[in-house]
Amino acid sequence: MSSIKHVAIIMDGNGRWANKRLRPRIWGHVRGSAVVSDIVRAADDIGLKALTMYAFSTENWSRPLEEVSTLFRLLKKFLIKEKNRILANNIKFKVIGEIQNLPHETISLIKEMEALTAEATGLKLTFAFNYGGRAEILRAVNAFHLNYPGRPMTENDLNDLMYRPETGDVDLMIRTGGEQRISNFLLWQMAYAEMYFTPTRWPDFTPSEFKKIIEHVSCRERRFGNVCGQSALEHSMEKAETNKSVFIKGANL
């Protein structure tokens, strides 16, 4: 069984794909939006537990307003177009990020989809929209200290205050378009993630390549700080705590 349960994707290369074809950047985003539906279907078909897709970062506000508006419209179009399929396939949908700046109609569609899929038990599908990893961590820290002033924070405390703690750690982060950076995406959740950077630009990314990447990464030996392969971070952490206790006890004899 694959160790890859949660995949995060940075959908990059739309604008460069369009420019190469002497088209405006927004054309690349429109073409790329169709790929989103294909990859969601593929993730559901192969039994992934969670799929998180970076749709719009807090830094993307610096782009031309026409491009920003197009990204907003594409999110709305996806919610309308894919609603019935998401419901039929038991997918649990959520948008993470500061969505209060989105158009009211889009916010209503998001809230409706989240409510309708709240009890779904299948793929946890997340769109990161107007999202920043640092902002998510700061939000969680501030919320904790507001509710528990003076109490030290634990890793579990911070994890529970992330936008969507139930998706757990990211096992694999894929970035299309050839760039090799994580761009403020899921900084907390990707602490032990495997990384895969493909030169394929997002409009050309296919379910076939997606599945091949997962198969390839599934064959990697993931050690989580250990010297041999581990099936999960929790197993390595348990071993680390045991070894630490034995070492400290021996040192104090």
Protein backbone atom coordinates (compact mmCIF):
# COMPACT_ATOMS: atom_id res chain seq x y z
CA MET A 1 0.00 0.00 0.00
CA SER A 2 1.40 3.44 -0.89
CA SER A 3 2.76 5.58 1.92
CA ILE A 4 1.52 8.66 0.06
CA LYS A 5 -1.75 9.74 1.66
CA HIS A 6 -1.70 13.54 1.35
CA VAL A 7 -0.48 15.29 -1.80
CA ALA A 8 -0.07 19.06 -2.12
CA ILE A 9 0.28 20.71 -5.53
CA ILE A 10 1.60 24.10 -6.60
CA MET A 11 -0.08 24.61 -9.97
CA ASP A 12 2.58 26.71 -11.66
CA GLY A 13 3.40 27.62 -15.26
CA ASN A 14 0.01 28.78 -16.57
CA GLY A 15 1.21 32.22 -17.65
CA ARG A 16 4.43 30.98 -19.24
CA TRP A 17 2.47 28.26 -21.06
CA ALA A 18 0.22 30.95 -22.58
CA ASN A 19 3.07 33.33 -23.39
CA LYS A 20 4.89 30.60 -25.28
CA ARG A 21 1.81 30.35 -27.50
CA LEU A 22 1.65 34.15 -27.91
CA ARG A 23 -1.53 34.29 -25.85
CA PRO A 24 -2.36 36.43 -22.79
CA ARG A 25 -1.52 34.94 -19.38
CA ILE A 26 -5.18 34.57 -18.44
CA TRP A 27 -5.63 32.10 -21.29
CA GLY A 28 -3.19 29.81 -19.53
CA HIS A 29 -5.22 29.98 -16.32
CA VAL A 30 -8.42 29.17 -18.19
CA ARG A 31 -6.79 26.14 -19.84
CA GLY A 32 -5.22 25.12 -16.55
CA SER A 33 -8.56 25.18 -14.73
CA ALA A 34 -9.70 22.14 -16.75
CA VAL A 35 -6.66 20.24 -15.48
CA VAL A 36 -7.77 20.81 -11.88
CA SER A 37 -10.88 18.69 -12.41
CA ASP A 38 -8.85 15.92 -14.08
CA ILE A 39 -6.34 15.74 -11.22
CA VAL A 40 -9.06 15.74 -8.57
CA ARG A 41 -10.68 12.79 -10.32
CA ALA A 42 -7.33 10.99 -10.53
CA ALA A 43 -6.62 11.58 -6.83
CA ASP A 44 -10.03 10.20 -5.95
CA ASP A 45 -9.61 7.20 -8.26
CA ILE A 46 -6.29 6.11 -6.74
CA GLY A 47 -7.56 6.47 -3.19
CA LEU A 48 -5.62 9.44 -1.85
CA LYS A 49 -6.81 10.59 1.55
CA ALA A 50 -6.14 14.29 0.95
CA LEU A 51 -5.32 16.64 -1.94
CA THR A 52 -4.42 20.28 -1.32
CA MET A 53 -4.08 22.60 -4.32
CA TYR A 54 -2.45 26.05 -4.23
CA ALA A 55 -4.83 28.21 -6.25
CA PHE A 56 -4.03 31.77 -5.14
CA SER A 57 -1.37 32.98 -2.70
CA THR A 58 -1.33 36.15 -0.63
CA GLU A 59 1.57 37.28 -2.85
CA ASN A 60 -0.50 36.80 -6.03
CA TRP A 61 -2.30 40.11 -5.30
CA SER A 62 0.73 41.78 -6.92
CA ARG A 63 -0.29 40.38 -10.32
CA PRO A 64 -2.30 42.41 -12.87
CA LEU A 65 -5.89 42.93 -11.70
CA GLU A 66 -7.28 41.27 -14.83
CA GLU A 67 -5.36 38.10 -13.96
CA VAL A 68 -6.50 38.24 -10.31
CA SER A 69 -10.13 38.67 -11.42
CA THR A 70 -9.79 35.70 -13.77
CA LEU A 71 -8.54 33.47 -10.94
CA PHE A 72 -11.52 34.51 -8.82
CA ARG A 73 -13.95 33.74 -11.65
CA LEU A 74 -12.35 30.34 -12.25
CA LEU A 75 -12.81 29.39 -8.59
CA LYS A 76 -16.50 30.32 -8.83
CA LYS A 77 -16.85 28.37 -12.09
CA PHE A 78 -15.25 25.28 -10.55
CA LEU A 79 -17.60 25.36 -7.56
CA ILE A 80 -20.65 25.51 -9.83
CA LYS A 81 -19.42 23.00 -12.42
CA GLU A 82 -18.05 20.38 -10.04
CA LYS A 83 -20.66 20.56 -7.28
CA ASN A 84 -22.65 17.49 -8.29
CA ARG A 85 -19.56 15.37 -8.94
CA ILE A 86 -18.05 16.30 -5.58
CA LEU A 87 -21.26 15.37 -3.80
CA ALA A 88 -21.66 12.12 -5.78
CA ASN A 89 -18.11 11.02 -4.96
CA ASN A 90 -18.29 11.66 -1.21
CA ILE A 91 -15.51 14.31 -1.40
CA LYS A 92 -15.05 16.58 1.62
CA PHE A 93 -14.35 20.08 0.30
CA LYS A 94 -12.78 23.10 1.99
CA VAL A 95 -11.09 26.36 1.06
CA ILE A 96 -8.28 27.57 3.34
CA GLY A 97 -6.98 31.12 3.47
CA GLU A 98 -8.37 34.58 4.05
CA ILE A 99 -11.50 34.23 1.94
CA GLN A 100 -13.28 37.29 3.34
CA ASN A 101 -11.82 39.36 0.49
CA LEU A 102 -13.49 37.23 -2.17
CA PRO A 103 -16.73 38.30 -3.88
CA HIS A 104 -19.78 37.63 -1.68
CA GLU A 105 -21.32 35.23 -4.19
CA THR A 106 -18.14 33.14 -4.26
CA ILE A 107 -17.98 33.08 -0.45
CA SER A 108 -21.57 31.84 -0.37
CA LEU A 109 -20.74 29.07 -2.86
CA ILE A 110 -17.73 28.03 -0.76
CA LYS A 111 -19.73 27.93 2.45
CA GLU A 112 -22.52 25.98 0.75
CA MET A 113 -20.08 23.39 -0.62
CA GLU A 114 -18.34 23.03 2.73
CA ALA A 115 -21.66 22.56 4.51
CA LEU A 116 -22.97 20.03 1.98
CA THR A 117 -19.78 17.94 2.22
CA ALA A 118 -19.17 18.31 5.97
CA GLU A 119 -20.06 14.68 6.66
CA ALA A 120 -18.33 13.23 3.58
CA THR A 121 -15.81 10.48 4.30
CA GLY A 122 -13.90 10.35 1.00
CA LEU A 123 -11.07 12.47 -0.43
CA LYS A 124 -10.36 15.63 1.57
CA LEU A 125 -10.08 18.21 -1.21
CA THR A 126 -8.64 21.58 -0.20
CA PHE A 127 -8.11 24.73 -2.25
CA ALA A 128 -5.62 27.20 -0.77
CA PHE A 129 -6.97 30.57 -1.92
CA ASN A 130 -5.62 33.92 -0.71
CA TYR A 131 -3.39 31.70 1.41
CA GLY A 132 0.06 32.11 2.95
CA GLY A 133 1.88 29.57 5.10
CA ARG A 134 3.42 32.14 7.43
CA ALA A 135 0.06 33.86 7.87
CA GLU A 136 -1.54 30.52 8.77
CA ILE A 137 1.06 29.86 11.48
CA LEU A 138 0.79 33.40 12.90
CA ARG A 139 -3.00 33.09 12.94
CA ALA A 140 -2.76 29.83 14.89
CA VAL A 141 -0.20 31.18 17.39
CA ASN A 142 -2.24 34.32 18.05
CA ALA A 143 -5.44 32.29 18.50
CA PHE A 144 -3.72 29.99 20.99
CA HIS A 145 -2.31 32.79 23.15
CA LEU A 146 -5.65 34.58 23.10
CA ASN A 147 -7.43 31.47 24.39
CA TYR A 148 -4.67 30.12 26.65
CA PRO A 149 -2.63 33.09 27.92
CA GLY A 150 0.54 32.07 29.71
CA ARG A 151 0.39 28.37 28.77
CA PRO A 152 3.27 26.96 26.69
CA MET A 153 2.21 25.80 23.25
CA THR A 154 2.79 22.21 22.09
CA GLU A 155 3.08 20.88 18.55
CA ASN A 156 -0.37 19.31 18.91
CA ASP A 157 -1.81 22.68 19.98
CA LEU A 158 -0.41 24.38 16.89
CA ASN A 159 -1.46 21.57 14.58
CA ASP A 160 -5.02 21.67 15.90
CA LEU A 161 -5.26 25.38 15.05
CA MET A 162 -4.21 25.01 11.41
CA TYR A 163 -6.92 25.73 8.85
CA ARG A 164 -7.53 22.02 8.22
CA PRO A 165 -5.78 19.84 10.83
CA GLU A 166 -7.60 16.67 9.81
CA THR A 167 -5.63 16.41 6.56
CA GLY A 168 -2.44 15.80 8.53
CA ASP A 169 1.12 16.21 7.29
CA VAL A 170 1.84 16.45 3.57
CA ASP A 171 3.55 13.30 2.24
CA LEU A 172 4.33 14.63 -1.23
CA MET A 173 4.51 18.15 -2.66
CA ILE A 174 4.42 18.45 -6.46
CA ARG A 175 5.26 21.71 -8.20
CA THR A 176 4.72 22.03 -11.93
CA GLY A 177 6.37 24.57 -14.23
CA GLY A 178 10.03 23.91 -13.46
CA GLU A 179 10.56 26.22 -10.47
CA GLN A 180 12.08 24.62 -7.37
CA ARG A 181 10.72 26.34 -4.27
CA ILE A 182 7.72 25.96 -1.97
CA SER A 183 6.52 29.59 -2.13
CA ASN A 184 5.08 29.94 1.38
CA PHE A 185 2.82 26.91 0.94
CA LEU A 186 1.83 24.70 3.91
CA LEU A 187 5.08 25.45 5.76
CA TRP A 188 4.04 23.62 8.93
CA GLN A 189 2.47 20.64 7.19
CA MET A 190 5.41 20.03 4.81
CA ALA A 191 8.09 19.54 7.48
CA TYR A 192 8.77 15.96 6.29
CA ALA A 193 7.23 16.03 2.82
CA GLU A 194 8.90 14.52 -0.20
CA MET A 195 9.37 17.07 -3.00
CA TYR A 196 8.90 16.57 -6.73
CA PHE A 197 9.52 19.37 -9.23
CA THR A 198 8.40 18.70 -12.79
CA PRO A 199 9.19 20.95 -15.79
CA THR A 200 5.70 20.26 -17.13
CA ARG A 201 3.63 23.43 -17.01
CA TRP A 202 0.26 23.11 -15.36
CA PRO A 203 -1.96 23.19 -18.50
CA ASP A 204 0.05 20.21 -19.85
CA PHE A 205 -0.01 18.24 -16.58
CA THR A 206 -1.95 14.99 -16.96
CA PRO A 207 -3.45 12.37 -14.63
CA SER A 208 -0.94 9.92 -16.13
CA GLU A 209 2.05 12.03 -15.04
CA PHE A 210 0.40 12.64 -11.66
CA LYS A 211 0.05 8.90 -11.03
CA LYS A 212 3.59 8.19 -12.25
CA ILE A 213 5.01 10.76 -9.82
CA ILE A 214 3.14 9.19 -6.92
CA GLU A 215 4.35 5.72 -7.92
CA HIS A 216 7.92 7.00 -8.21
CA VAL A 217 7.91 8.77 -4.85
CA SER A 218 6.23 5.80 -3.18
CA CYS A 219 9.42 3.85 -3.92
CA ARG A 220 11.61 6.32 -2.07
CA GLU A 221 12.84 5.28 1.37
CA ARG A 222 11.37 7.77 3.83
CA ARG A 223 13.39 7.80 7.07
CA PHE A 224 11.97 10.76 9.05
CA GLY A 225 15.33 11.31 10.72
CA ASN A 226 16.01 7.60 11.27
CA VAL A 227 18.77 5.56 9.61
CA CYS A 228 16.34 3.12 8.01
CA GLY A 229 13.00 3.41 6.25
CA GLN A 230 9.90 4.23 8.28
CA SER A 231 6.28 3.90 7.22
CA ALA A 232 5.18 7.04 9.06
CA LEU A 233 6.53 10.02 10.99
CA GLU A 234 4.78 8.80 14.14
CA HIS A 235 6.82 5.58 14.19
CA SER A 236 10.11 7.50 13.98
CA MET A 237 8.98 9.93 16.70
CA GLU A 238 8.06 7.06 19.02
CA LYS A 239 11.49 5.50 18.50
CA ALA A 240 13.17 8.87 19.09
CA GLU A 241 11.33 9.37 22.39
CA THR A 242 12.27 5.86 23.55
CA ASN A 243 15.93 6.34 22.69
CA LYS A 244 16.01 9.76 24.34
CA SER A 245 14.54 8.39 27.56
CA VAL A 246 17.06 5.54 27.65
CA PHE A 247 19.98 7.89 26.94
CA ILE A 248 18.94 10.43 29.60
CA LYS A 249 18.37 7.72 32.19
CA GLY A 250 21.79 6.22 31.48
CA ALA A 251 23.52 9.61 31.61
CA ASN A 252 22.05 10.31 35.05
CA LEU A 253 23.11 7.01 36.64
